[in-house]
C-alpha atoms as a PDB file:
ATOM      1  CA  UNK A   1      20.952  -4.278   1.397  1.00  0.00           C
ATOM      2  CA  UNK A   2      22.749  -1.290   2.819  1.00  0.00           C
ATOM      3  CA  UNK A   3      22.493   0.376   6.210  1.00  0.00           C
ATOM      4  CA  UNK A   4      21.488   4.037   6.416  1.00  0.00           C
ATOM      5  CA  UNK A   5      22.442   6.480   9.176  1.00  0.00           C
ATOM      6  CA  UNK A   6      20.417   9.391  10.514  1.00  0.00           C
ATOM      7  CA  UNK A   7      22.828  12.328  10.253  1.00  0.00           C
ATOM      8  CA  UNK A   8      21.497  14.363  13.213  1.00  0.00           C
ATOM      9  CA  UNK A   9      21.224  11.578  15.819  1.00  0.00           C
ATOM     10  CA  UNK A  10      23.308   8.659  14.504  1.00  0.00           C
ATOM     11  CA  UNK A  11      20.524   6.040  14.455  1.00  0.00           C
ATOM     12  CA  UNK A  12      21.397   3.254  12.021  1.00  0.00           C
ATOM     13  CA  UNK A  13      18.583   1.681  10.005  1.00  0.00           C
ATOM     14  CA  UNK A  14      19.594  -1.936   9.396  1.00  0.00           C
ATOM     15  CA  UNK A  15      17.313  -3.541   6.792  1.00  0.00           C
ATOM     16  CA  UNK A  16      18.057  -7.009   8.174  1.00  0.00           C
ATOM     17  CA  UNK A  17      16.426  -5.935  11.453  1.00  0.00           C
ATOM     18  CA  UNK A  18      13.778  -3.566  10.097  1.00  0.00           C
ATOM     19  CA  UNK A  19      12.009  -1.344  12.631  1.00  0.00           C
ATOM     20  CA  UNK A  20       9.522  -3.614  14.404  1.00  0.00           C
ATOM     21  CA  UNK A  21       8.358  -0.860  16.769  1.00  0.00           C
ATOM     22  CA  UNK A  22       7.169   1.080  13.708  1.00  0.00           C
ATOM     23  CA  UNK A  23       5.703  -1.964  11.967  1.00  0.00           C
ATOM     24  CA  UNK A  24       8.614  -2.382   9.525  1.00  0.00           C
ATOM     25  CA  UNK A  25       9.411  -6.059   8.996  1.00  0.00           C
ATOM     26  CA  UNK A  26      12.966  -7.426   8.891  1.00  0.00           C
ATOM     27  CA  UNK A  27      14.250  -7.563   5.327  1.00  0.00           C
ATOM     28  CA  UNK A  28      12.733  -4.199   4.324  1.00  0.00           C
ATOM     29  CA  UNK A  29      15.194  -2.160   2.261  1.00  0.00           C
ATOM     30  CA  UNK A  30      15.541   1.528   3.123  1.00  0.00           C
ATOM     31  CA  UNK A  31      14.219   2.415  -0.331  1.00  0.00           C
ATOM     32  CA  UNK A  32      11.052   0.424   0.418  1.00  0.00           C
ATOM     33  CA  UNK A  33      10.224   2.216   3.671  1.00  0.00           C
ATOM     34  CA  UNK A  34       6.975   4.202   3.555  1.00  0.00           C
ATOM     35  CA  UNK A  35       7.397   7.879   2.677  1.00  0.00           C
ATOM     36  CA  UNK A  36       6.007   8.867   6.090  1.00  0.00           C
ATOM     37  CA  UNK A  37       8.476   6.680   8.014  1.00  0.00           C
ATOM     38  CA  UNK A  38      10.597   8.716  10.435  1.00  0.00           C
ATOM     39  CA  UNK A  39      13.671   8.088  12.540  1.00  0.00           C
ATOM     40  CA  UNK A  40      12.503   6.264  15.677  1.00  0.00           C
ATOM     41  CA  UNK A  41      14.988   8.216  17.805  1.00  0.00           C
ATOM     42  CA  UNK A  42      14.704  11.851  16.696  1.00  0.00           C
ATOM     43  CA  UNK A  43      11.579  11.773  14.514  1.00  0.00           C
ATOM     44  CA  UNK A  44      13.147  13.339  11.413  1.00  0.00           C
ATOM     45  CA  UNK A  45      12.173  12.112   7.951  1.00  0.00           C
ATOM     46  CA  UNK A  46      14.023   9.807   5.566  1.00  0.00           C
ATOM     47  CA  UNK A  47      15.711  12.775   3.869  1.00  0.00           C
ATOM     48  CA  UNK A  48      18.267  13.147   6.674  1.00  0.00           C
ATOM     49  CA  UNK A  49      19.558   9.582   6.268  1.00  0.00           C
ATOM     50  CA  UNK A  50      22.743   8.796   4.406  1.00  0.00           C
ATOM     51  CA  UNK A  51      24.087   5.506   3.128  1.00  0.00           C
ATOM     52  CA  UNK A  52      26.563   3.966   5.546  1.00  0.00           C
END
């Protein structure tokens, strides 16, 4: 699984870690994140993320 980076703020979504604070379990691929998931740092949607 690949990491994805939020262009505006630099947050890196690491699928091995998930996003526990948002209820995303470790092992969740970026592609499998809910459509309404947003960057936990800046709040922007998945569309601003790019593959690392």
